[in-house]
Amino acid sequence: SAEFDHWASEQLARGDVDALLDFRRRAPGMPYAHPTTEHFAPLF
């Protein structure tokens, strides 16, 4: 949870939408942070 949150914070701070769109492959802590992805989906 901490690793995914830190990664998300960094991408948001950079405005790196492409990285966020590819969170399933790029984000640390997956798939534990989001075993299903509906709770991250509203961000997009």
All heavy atoms as atom14 arrays in JSON, in Angstrom:
{
  "sequence": "SAEFDHWASEQLARGDVDALLDFRRRAPGMPYAHPTTEHFAPLF",
  "atom14_mask": [
    [1, 1, 1, 1, 1, 1, 0, 0, 0, 0, 0, 0, 0, 0],
    [1, 1, 1, 1, 1, 0, 0, 0, 0, 0, 0, 0, 0, 0],
    [1, 1, 1, 1, 1, 1, 1, 1, 1, 0, 0, 0, 0, 0],
    [1, 1, 1, 1, 1, 1, 1, 1, 1, 1, 1, 0, 0, 0],
    [1, 1, 1, 1, 1, 1, 1, 1, 0, 0, 0, 0, 0, 0],
    [1, 1, 1, 1, 1, 1, 1, 1, 1, 1, 0, 0, 0, 0],
    [1, 1, 1, 1, 1, 1, 1, 1, 1, 1, 1, 1, 1, 1],
    [1, 1, 1, 1, 1, 0, 0, 0, 0, 0, 0, 0, 0, 0],
    [1, 1, 1, 1, 1, 1, 0, 0, 0, 0, 0, 0, 0, 0],
    [1, 1, 1, 1, 1, 1, 1, 1, 1, 0, 0, 0, 0, 0],
    [1, 1, 1, 1, 1, 1, 1, 1, 1, 0, 0, 0, 0, 0],
    [1, 1, 1, 1, 1, 1, 1, 1, 0, 0, 0, 0, 0, 0],
    [1, 1, 1, 1, 1, 0, 0, 0, 0, 0, 0, 0, 0, 0],
    [1, 1, 1, 1, 1, 1, 1, 1, 1, 1, 1, 0, 0, 0],
    [1, 1, 1, 1, 0, 0, 0, 0, 0, 0, 0, 0, 0, 0],
    [1, 1, 1, 1, 1, 1, 1, 1, 0, 0, 0, 0, 0, 0],
    [1, 1, 1, 1, 1, 1, 1, 0, 0, 0, 0, 0, 0, 0],
    [1, 1, 1, 1, 1, 1, 1, 1, 0, 0, 0, 0, 0, 0],
    [1, 1, 1, 1, 1, 0, 0, 0, 0, 0, 0, 0, 0, 0],
    [1, 1, 1, 1, 1, 1, 1, 1, 0, 0, 0, 0, 0, 0],
    [1, 1, 1, 1, 1, 1, 1, 1, 0, 0, 0, 0, 0, 0],
    [1, 1, 1, 1, 1, 1, 1, 1, 0, 0, 0, 0, 0, 0],
    [1, 1, 1, 1, 1, 1, 1, 1, 1, 1, 1, 0, 0, 0],
    [1, 1, 1, 1, 1, 1, 1, 1, 1, 1, 1, 0, 0, 0],
    [1, 1, 1, 1, 1, 1, 1, 1, 1, 1, 1, 0, 0, 0],
    [1, 1, 1, 1, 1, 1, 1, 1, 1, 1, 1, 0, 0, 0],
    [1, 1, 1, 1, 1, 0, 0, 0, 0, 0, 0, 0, 0, 0],
    [1, 1, 1, 1, 1, 1, 1, 0, 0, 0, 0, 0, 0, 0],
    [1, 1, 1, 1, 0, 0, 0, 0, 0, 0, 0, 0, 0, 0],
    [1, 1, 1, 1, 1, 1, 1, 1, 0, 0, 0, 0, 0, 0],
    [1, 1, 1, 1, 1, 1, 1, 0, 0, 0, 0, 0, 0, 0],
    [1, 1, 1, 1, 1, 1, 1, 1, 1, 1, 1, 1, 0, 0],
    [1, 1, 1, 1, 1, 0, 0, 0, 0, 0, 0, 0, 0, 0],
    [1, 1, 1, 1, 1, 1, 1, 1, 1, 1, 0, 0, 0, 0],
    [1, 1, 1, 1, 1, 1, 1, 0, 0, 0, 0, 0, 0, 0],
    [1, 1, 1, 1, 1, 1, 1, 0, 0, 0, 0, 0, 0, 0],
    [1, 1, 1, 1, 1, 1, 1, 0, 0, 0, 0, 0, 0, 0],
    [1, 1, 1, 1, 1, 1, 1, 1, 1, 0, 0, 0, 0, 0],
    [1, 1, 1, 1, 1, 1, 1, 1, 1, 1, 0, 0, 0, 0],
    [1, 1, 1, 1, 1, 1, 1, 1, 1, 1, 1, 0, 0, 0],
    [1, 1, 1, 1, 1, 0, 0, 0, 0, 0, 0, 0, 0, 0],
    [1, 1, 1, 1, 1, 1, 1, 0, 0, 0, 0, 0, 0, 0],
    [1, 1, 1, 1, 1, 1, 1, 1, 0, 0, 0, 0, 0, 0],
    [1, 1, 1, 1, 1, 1, 1, 1, 1, 1, 1, 0, 0, 0]
  ],
  "atom14_positions": [
    [[0.83, -1.2, 0.0], [0.0, 0.0, 0.0], [0.87, 1.26, 0.0], [0.62, 2.2, -0.78], [-0.93, -0.01, 1.21], [-1.84, 1.08, 1.19], [0.0, 0.0, 0.0], [0.0, 0.0, 0.0], [0.0, 0.0, 0.0], [0.0, 0.0, 0.0], [0.0, 0.0, 0.0], [0.0, 0.0, 0.0], [0.0, 0.0, 0.0], [0.0, 0.0, 0.0]],
    [[1.88, 1.28, 0.83], [2.77, 2.44, 0.9], [3.53, 2.62, -0.41], [3.69, 3.76, -0.9], [3.75, 2.28, 2.06], [0.0, 0.0, 0.0], [0.0, 0.0, 0.0], [0.0, 0.0, 0.0], [0.0, 0.0, 0.0], [0.0, 0.0, 0.0], [0.0, 0.0, 0.0], [0.0, 0.0, 0.0], [0.0, 0.0, 0.0], [0.0, 0.0, 0.0]],
    [[3.97, 1.52, -1.01], [4.74, 1.61, -2.26], [3.86, 2.13, -3.4], [4.28, 2.98, -4.19], [5.33, 0.25, -2.61], [6.44, -0.2, -1.67], [6.79, -1.66, -1.87], [6.22, -2.3, -2.78], [7.63, -2.17, -1.1], [0.0, 0.0, 0.0], [0.0, 0.0, 0.0], [0.0, 0.0, 0.0], [0.0, 0.0, 0.0], [0.0, 0.0, 0.0]],
    [[2.65, 1.6, -3.5], [1.75, 2.05, -4.56], [1.41, 3.53, -4.37], [1.41, 4.31, -5.32], [0.48, 1.21, -4.59], [-0.44, 1.53, -5.73], [-0.44, 0.75, -6.88], [-1.31, 2.61, -5.67], [-1.28, 1.04, -7.95], [-2.15, 2.92, -6.73], [-2.14, 2.13, -7.88], [0.0, 0.0, 0.0], [0.0, 0.0, 0.0], [0.0, 0.0, 0.0]],
    [[1.11, 3.92, -3.15], [0.74, 5.3, -2.87], [1.89, 6.25, -3.21], [1.67, 7.32, -3.8], [0.34, 5.45, -1.41], [-0.02, 6.87, -1.04], [-0.98, 7.41, -1.63], [0.66, 7.46, -0.18], [0.0, 0.0, 0.0], [0.0, 0.0, 0.0], [0.0, 0.0, 0.0], [0.0, 0.0, 0.0], [0.0, 0.0, 0.0], [0.0, 0.0, 0.0]],
    [[3.1, 5.88, -2.84], [4.26, 6.72, -3.15], [4.43, 6.86, -4.65], [4.68, 7.97, -5.17], [5.52, 6.12, -2.51], [6.77, 6.9, -2.79], [7.04, 8.12, -2.23], [7.83, 6.62, -3.62], [8.2, 8.57, -2.67], [8.69, 7.68, -3.52], [0.0, 0.0, 0.0], [0.0, 0.0, 0.0], [0.0, 0.0, 0.0], [0.0, 0.0, 0.0]],
    [[4.29, 5.75, -5.36], [4.41, 5.79, -6.82], [3.32, 6.67, -7.43], [3.6, 7.53, -8.28], [4.3, 4.36, -7.37], [4.34, 4.29, -8.87], [5.45, 4.22, -9.66], [3.21, 4.28, -9.76], [5.08, 4.17, -10.98], [3.72, 4.19, -11.08], [1.83, 4.31, -9.57], [2.89, 4.16, -12.2], [1.0, 4.28, -10.68], [1.52, 4.2, -11.98]],
    [[2.08, 6.5, -6.99], [0.98, 7.31, -7.51], [1.22, 8.79, -7.23], [0.98, 9.65, -8.11], [-0.35, 6.86, -6.91], [0.0, 0.0, 0.0], [0.0, 0.0, 0.0], [0.0, 0.0, 0.0], [0.0, 0.0, 0.0], [0.0, 0.0, 0.0], [0.0, 0.0, 0.0], [0.0, 0.0, 0.0], [0.0, 0.0, 0.0], [0.0, 0.0, 0.0]],
    [[1.68, 9.11, -6.04], [1.97, 10.51, -5.7], [3.01, 11.1, -6.63], [2.88, 12.25, -7.09], [2.44, 10.58, -4.25], [2.81, 11.9, -3.92], [0.0, 0.0, 0.0], [0.0, 0.0, 0.0], [0.0, 0.0, 0.0], [0.0, 0.0, 0.0], [0.0, 0.0, 0.0], [0.0, 0.0, 0.0], [0.0, 0.0, 0.0], [0.0, 0.0, 0.0]],
    [[4.04, 10.33, -6.94], [5.1, 10.82, -7.83], [4.57, 11.06, -9.24], [4.9, 12.07, -9.87], [6.26, 9.83, -7.87], [7.1, 9.8, -6.6], [8.35, 8.98, -6.78], [8.31, 8.0, -7.56], [9.38, 9.31, -6.15], [0.0, 0.0, 0.0], [0.0, 0.0, 0.0], [0.0, 0.0, 0.0], [0.0, 0.0, 0.0], [0.0, 0.0, 0.0]],
    [[3.76, 10.14, -9.75], [3.23, 10.31, -11.11], [2.28, 11.5, -11.18], [2.27, 12.26, -12.14], [2.51, 9.04, -11.59], [3.27, 7.73, -11.43], [4.75, 7.84, -11.7], [5.18, 8.32, -12.76], [5.56, 7.38, -10.75], [0.0, 0.0, 0.0], [0.0, 0.0, 0.0], [0.0, 0.0, 0.0], [0.0, 0.0, 0.0], [0.0, 0.0, 0.0]],
    [[1.45, 11.66, -10.15], [0.55, 12.81, -10.11], [1.34, 14.11, -10.05], [0.99, 15.09, -10.73], [-0.39, 12.7, -8.91], [-1.46, 11.61, -8.98], [-2.08, 11.38, -7.61], [-2.53, 11.95, -10.01], [0.0, 0.0, 0.0], [0.0, 0.0, 0.0], [0.0, 0.0, 0.0], [0.0, 0.0, 0.0], [0.0, 0.0, 0.0], [0.0, 0.0, 0.0]],
    [[2.4, 14.13, -9.25], [3.21, 15.34, -9.12], [3.89, 15.71, -10.43], [4.13, 16.89, -10.7], [4.25, 15.16, -8.02], [0.0, 0.0, 0.0], [0.0, 0.0, 0.0], [0.0, 0.0, 0.0], [0.0, 0.0, 0.0], [0.0, 0.0, 0.0], [0.0, 0.0, 0.0], [0.0, 0.0, 0.0], [0.0, 0.0, 0.0], [0.0, 0.0, 0.0]],
    [[4.18, 14.71, -11.26], [4.8, 14.96, -12.56], [3.77, 15.19, -13.66], [4.14, 15.54, -14.78], [5.69, 13.78, -12.95], [7.0, 13.7, -12.19], [8.0, 12.84, -12.93], [7.6, 11.44, -12.93], [8.1, 10.52, -12.1], [8.98, 10.87, -11.19], [7.72, 9.27, -12.18], [0.0, 0.0, 0.0], [0.0, 0.0, 0.0], [0.0, 0.0, 0.0]],
    [[2.51, 14.93, -13.36], [1.5, 15.0, -14.41], [1.67, 13.9, -15.43], [1.31, 14.06, -16.6], [0.0, 0.0, 0.0], [0.0, 0.0, 0.0], [0.0, 0.0, 0.0], [0.0, 0.0, 0.0], [0.0, 0.0, 0.0], [0.0, 0.0, 0.0], [0.0, 0.0, 0.0], [0.0, 0.0, 0.0], [0.0, 0.0, 0.0], [0.0, 0.0, 0.0]],
    [[2.2, 12.75, -15.01], [2.48, 11.64, -15.93], [1.25, 10.75, -16.08], [1.14, 9.69, -15.45], [3.68, 10.83, -15.43], [4.23, 9.89, -16.5], [3.49, 9.61, -17.48], [5.37, 9.44, -16.36], [0.0, 0.0, 0.0], [0.0, 0.0, 0.0], [0.0, 0.0, 0.0], [0.0, 0.0, 0.0], [0.0, 0.0, 0.0], [0.0, 0.0, 0.0]],
    [[0.32, 11.22, -16.9], [-0.92, 10.48, -17.09], [-0.66, 9.13, -17.74], [-1.31, 8.13, -17.41], [-1.92, 11.33, -17.92], [-3.19, 10.54, -18.2], [-2.25, 12.62, -17.18], [0.0, 0.0, 0.0], [0.0, 0.0, 0.0], [0.0, 0.0, 0.0], [0.0, 0.0, 0.0], [0.0, 0.0, 0.0], [0.0, 0.0, 0.0], [0.0, 0.0, 0.0]],
    [[0.3, 9.07, -18.67], [0.57, 7.8, -19.35], [1.0, 6.72, -18.35], [0.58, 5.56, -18.47], [1.67, 7.99, -20.4], [1.18, 8.78, -21.61], [-0.05, 8.82, -21.82], [2.02, 9.35, -22.32], [0.0, 0.0, 0.0], [0.0, 0.0, 0.0], [0.0, 0.0, 0.0], [0.0, 0.0, 0.0], [0.0, 0.0, 0.0], [0.0, 0.0, 0.0]],
    [[1.83, 7.08, -17.39], [2.26, 6.1, -16.38], [1.06, 5.64, -15.55], [0.91, 4.45, -15.27], [3.33, 6.69, -15.49], [0.0, 0.0, 0.0], [0.0, 0.0, 0.0], [0.0, 0.0, 0.0], [0.0, 0.0, 0.0], [0.0, 0.0, 0.0], [0.0, 0.0, 0.0], [0.0, 0.0, 0.0], [0.0, 0.0, 0.0], [0.0, 0.0, 0.0]],
    [[0.2, 6.58, -15.16], [-0.97, 6.21, -14.37], [-1.91, 5.31, -15.15], [-2.46, 4.36, -14.6], [-1.69, 7.48, -13.91], [-0.94, 8.31, -12.86], [-1.5, 9.72, -12.79], [-1.01, 7.64, -11.49], [0.0, 0.0, 0.0], [0.0, 0.0, 0.0], [0.0, 0.0, 0.0], [0.0, 0.0, 0.0], [0.0, 0.0, 0.0], [0.0, 0.0, 0.0]],
    [[-2.08, 5.6, -16.43], [-2.93, 4.75, -17.26], [-2.42, 3.32, -17.31], [-3.21, 2.37, -17.43], [-3.01, 5.32, -18.68], [-3.79, 6.61, -18.87], [-3.52, 7.19, -20.26], [-5.28, 6.38, -18.69], [0.0, 0.0, 0.0], [0.0, 0.0, 0.0], [0.0, 0.0, 0.0], [0.0, 0.0, 0.0], [0.0, 0.0, 0.0], [0.0, 0.0, 0.0]],
    [[-1.12, 3.16, -17.18], [-0.48, 1.83, -17.27], [-0.15, 1.29, -15.88], [0.78, 0.51, -15.71], [0.8, 1.96, -18.12], [1.29, 0.61, -18.62], [0.48, -0.33, -18.75], [2.51, 0.5, -18.86], [0.0, 0.0, 0.0], [0.0, 0.0, 0.0], [0.0, 0.0, 0.0], [0.0, 0.0, 0.0], [0.0, 0.0, 0.0], [0.0, 0.0, 0.0]],
    [[-0.93, 1.68, -14.87], [-0.6, 1.33, -13.49], [-0.55, -0.17, -13.25], [0.21, -0.64, -12.4], [-1.58, 1.99, -12.52], [-2.95, 1.35, -12.46], [-3.27, 0.43, -11.48], [-3.92, 1.67, -13.4], [-4.52, -0.17, -11.43], [-5.18, 1.1, -13.35], [-5.49, 0.18, -12.37], [0.0, 0.0, 0.0], [0.0, 0.0, 0.0], [0.0, 0.0, 0.0]],
    [[-1.34, -0.94, -13.98], [-1.34, -2.39, -13.74], [0.04, -3.0, -13.96], [0.42, -3.93, -13.26], [-2.35, -3.07, -14.67], [-3.81, -2.79, -14.38], [-4.67, -3.59, -15.35], [-6.08, -3.33, -15.22], [-6.73, -2.37, -15.86], [-6.06, -1.55, -16.67], [-8.03, -2.19, -15.7], [0.0, 0.0, 0.0], [0.0, 0.0, 0.0], [0.0, 0.0, 0.0]],
    [[0.78, -2.47, -14.92], [2.11, -3.01, -15.23], [3.22, -2.25, -14.51], [4.24, -2.84, -14.15], [2.37, -2.96, -16.74], [1.51, -3.89, -17.55], [2.02, -4.08, -18.97], [2.27, -2.81, -19.64], [3.47, -2.4, -20.05], [4.53, -3.16, -19.83], [3.6, -1.25, -20.67], [0.0, 0.0, 0.0], [0.0, 0.0, 0.0], [0.0, 0.0, 0.0]],
    [[3.04, -0.96, -14.31], [4.16, -0.14, -13.83], [4.2, 0.06, -12.32], [5.28, 0.27, -11.75], [4.09, 1.25, -14.48], [4.23, 1.25, -15.98], [4.6, 2.66, -16.44], [4.38, 2.87, -17.86], [4.7, 3.98, -18.51], [5.23, 4.99, -17.84], [4.47, 4.09, -19.8], [0.0, 0.0, 0.0], [0.0, 0.0, 0.0], [0.0, 0.0, 0.0]],
    [[3.07, 0.02, -11.66], [3.04, 0.43, -10.26], [3.55, -0.67, -9.34], [3.12, -1.83, -9.46], [1.62, 0.82, -9.86], [0.0, 0.0, 0.0], [0.0, 0.0, 0.0], [0.0, 0.0, 0.0], [0.0, 0.0, 0.0], [0.0, 0.0, 0.0], [0.0, 0.0, 0.0], [0.0, 0.0, 0.0], [0.0, 0.0, 0.0], [0.0, 0.0, 0.0]],
    [[4.43, -0.35, -8.41], [4.81, -1.33, -7.39], [3.61, -1.59, -6.47], [2.7, -0.77, -6.35], [5.93, -0.62, -6.63], [5.66, 0.84, -6.82], [5.06, 0.97, -8.2], [0.0, 0.0, 0.0], [0.0, 0.0, 0.0], [0.0, 0.0, 0.0], [0.0, 0.0, 0.0], [0.0, 0.0, 0.0], [0.0, 0.0, 0.0], [0.0, 0.0, 0.0]],
    [[3.63, -2.75, -5.86], [2.53, -3.11, -4.97], [1.36, -3.78, -5.66], [0.41, -4.21, -5.01], [0.0, 0.0, 0.0], [0.0, 0.0, 0.0], [0.0, 0.0, 0.0], [0.0, 0.0, 0.0], [0.0, 0.0, 0.0], [0.0, 0.0, 0.0], [0.0, 0.0, 0.0], [0.0, 0.0, 0.0], [0.0, 0.0, 0.0], [0.0, 0.0, 0.0]],
    [[1.39, -3.85, -6.99], [0.34, -4.56, -7.71], [0.66, -6.05, -7.75], [1.81, -6.43, -7.81], [0.22, -4.01, -9.13], [-0.39, -2.62, -9.18], [-2.11, -2.61, -8.63], [-2.92, -3.47, -9.98], [0.0, 0.0, 0.0], [0.0, 0.0, 0.0], [0.0, 0.0, 0.0], [0.0, 0.0, 0.0], [0.0, 0.0, 0.0], [0.0, 0.0, 0.0]],
    [[-0.37, -6.92, -7.73], [-1.8, -6.61, -7.7], [-2.39, -6.46, -6.29], [-3.6, -6.35, -6.16], [-2.41, -7.82, -8.39], [-1.53, -8.95, -7.94], [-0.14, -8.37, -7.87], [0.0, 0.0, 0.0], [0.0, 0.0, 0.0], [0.0, 0.0, 0.0], [0.0, 0.0, 0.0], [0.0, 0.0, 0.0], [0.0, 0.0, 0.0], [0.0, 0.0, 0.0]],
    [[-1.54, -6.45, -5.26], [-2.07, -6.39, -3.9], [-2.81, -5.07, -3.64], [-3.83, -5.05, -2.96], [-0.93, -6.56, -2.89], [-0.21, -7.87, -3.04], [0.99, -7.94, -3.74], [-0.75, -9.04, -2.51], [1.65, -9.15, -3.91], [-0.1, -10.25, -2.67], [1.1, -10.3, -3.37], [1.74, -11.5, -3.54], [0.0, 0.0, 0.0], [0.0, 0.0, 0.0]],
    [[-2.27, -3.98, -4.18], [-2.91, -2.68, -3.95], [-4.3, -2.61, -4.57], [-5.18, -1.94, -4.05], [-2.03, -1.56, -4.5], [0.0, 0.0, 0.0], [0.0, 0.0, 0.0], [0.0, 0.0, 0.0], [0.0, 0.0, 0.0], [0.0, 0.0, 0.0], [0.0, 0.0, 0.0], [0.0, 0.0, 0.0], [0.0, 0.0, 0.0], [0.0, 0.0, 0.0]],
    [[-4.48, -3.32, -5.69], [-5.77, -3.34, -6.38], [-5.99, -4.72, -7.0], [-5.79, -4.91, -8.21], [-5.84, -2.26, -7.46], [-5.91, -0.88, -6.92], [-7.06, -0.35, -6.35], [-4.95, 0.09, -6.8], [-6.82, 0.88, -5.94], [-5.55, 1.17, -6.19], [0.0, 0.0, 0.0], [0.0, 0.0, 0.0], [0.0, 0.0, 0.0], [0.0, 0.0, 0.0]],
    [[-6.39, -5.72, -6.2], [-6.67, -7.03, -6.78], [-7.8, -6.96, -7.8], [-7.86, -7.75, -8.74], [-7.05, -7.88, -5.56], [-7.38, -6.91, -4.47], [-6.56, -5.69, -4.74], [0.0, 0.0, 0.0], [0.0, 0.0, 0.0], [0.0, 0.0, 0.0], [0.0, 0.0, 0.0], [0.0, 0.0, 0.0], [0.0, 0.0, 0.0], [0.0, 0.0, 0.0]],
    [[-8.73, -6.02, -7.62], [-9.66, -5.59, -8.65], [-9.49, -4.08, -8.75], [-9.12, -3.42, -7.78], [-11.12, -5.95, -8.31], [-11.46, -5.35, -7.04], [-11.29, -7.46, -8.21], [0.0, 0.0, 0.0], [0.0, 0.0, 0.0], [0.0, 0.0, 0.0], [0.0, 0.0, 0.0], [0.0, 0.0, 0.0], [0.0, 0.0, 0.0], [0.0, 0.0, 0.0]],
    [[-9.77, -3.5, -9.91], [-9.31, -2.14, -10.15], [-10.41, -1.08, -10.11], [-10.15, 0.07, -10.41], [-8.6, -2.06, -11.52], [-9.53, -2.41, -12.56], [-7.39, -2.98, -11.56], [0.0, 0.0, 0.0], [0.0, 0.0, 0.0], [0.0, 0.0, 0.0], [0.0, 0.0, 0.0], [0.0, 0.0, 0.0], [0.0, 0.0, 0.0], [0.0, 0.0, 0.0]],
    [[-11.62, -1.46, -9.67], [-12.72, -0.5, -9.72], [-12.51, 0.7, -8.8], [-13.01, 1.79, -9.06], [-14.06, -1.18, -9.41], [-14.31, -1.51, -7.95], [-13.47, -2.67, -7.42], [-13.01, -3.51, -8.25], [-13.25, -2.74, -6.19], [0.0, 0.0, 0.0], [0.0, 0.0, 0.0], [0.0, 0.0, 0.0], [0.0, 0.0, 0.0], [0.0, 0.0, 0.0]],
    [[-11.72, 0.55, -7.73], [-11.54, 1.68, -6.81], [-10.5, 2.68, -7.31], [-10.48, 3.82, -6.83], [-11.2, 1.19, -5.4], [-12.4, 0.87, -4.59], [-13.15, -0.26, -4.8], [-13.03, 1.56, -3.59], [-14.17, -0.27, -3.96], [-14.12, 0.82, -3.23], [0.0, 0.0, 0.0], [0.0, 0.0, 0.0], [0.0, 0.0, 0.0], [0.0, 0.0, 0.0]],
    [[-9.66, 2.29, -8.23], [-8.73, 3.24, -8.85], [-9.33, 3.86, -10.1], [-8.92, 4.95, -10.52], [-7.41, 2.54, -9.18], [-6.21, 3.46, -9.27], [-5.88, 4.31, -8.22], [-5.41, 3.45, -10.39], [-4.78, 5.14, -8.29], [-4.29, 4.28, -10.47], [-3.97, 5.13, -9.43], [0.0, 0.0, 0.0], [0.0, 0.0, 0.0], [0.0, 0.0, 0.0]],
    [[-10.31, 3.18, -10.69], [-10.86, 3.61, -11.97], [-11.42, 5.03, -11.96], [-11.22, 5.77, -12.95], [-11.93, 2.6, -12.42], [0.0, 0.0, 0.0], [0.0, 0.0, 0.0], [0.0, 0.0, 0.0], [0.0, 0.0, 0.0], [0.0, 0.0, 0.0], [0.0, 0.0, 0.0], [0.0, 0.0, 0.0], [0.0, 0.0, 0.0], [0.0, 0.0, 0.0]],
    [[-12.14, 5.49, -10.92], [-12.69, 6.85, -10.98], [-11.63, 7.94, -11.11], [-11.93, 9.05, -11.56], [-13.46, 6.98, -9.66], [-13.83, 5.57, -9.3], [-12.65, 4.76, -9.74], [0.0, 0.0, 0.0], [0.0, 0.0, 0.0], [0.0, 0.0, 0.0], [0.0, 0.0, 0.0], [0.0, 0.0, 0.0], [0.0, 0.0, 0.0], [0.0, 0.0, 0.0]],
    [[-10.39, 7.64, -10.73], [-9.32, 8.62, -10.89], [-9.21, 9.08, -12.34], [-8.96, 10.25, -12.62], [-7.99, 8.03, -10.43], [-6.74, 8.87, -10.73], [-6.74, 10.15, -9.89], [-5.47, 8.07, -10.5], [0.0, 0.0, 0.0], [0.0, 0.0, 0.0], [0.0, 0.0, 0.0], [0.0, 0.0, 0.0], [0.0, 0.0, 0.0], [0.0, 0.0, 0.0]],
    [[-9.41, 8.16, -13.28], [-9.2, 8.5, -14.69], [-10.31, 9.38, -15.24], [-10.06, 10.21, -16.12], [-9.02, 7.21, -15.5], [-7.84, 6.42, -15.02], [-8.01, 5.25, -14.3], [-6.55, 6.89, -15.23], [-6.92, 4.55, -13.82], [-5.45, 6.19, -14.75], [-5.63, 5.03, -14.03], [0.0, 0.0, 0.0], [0.0, 0.0, 0.0], [0.0, 0.0, 0.0]]
  ]
}
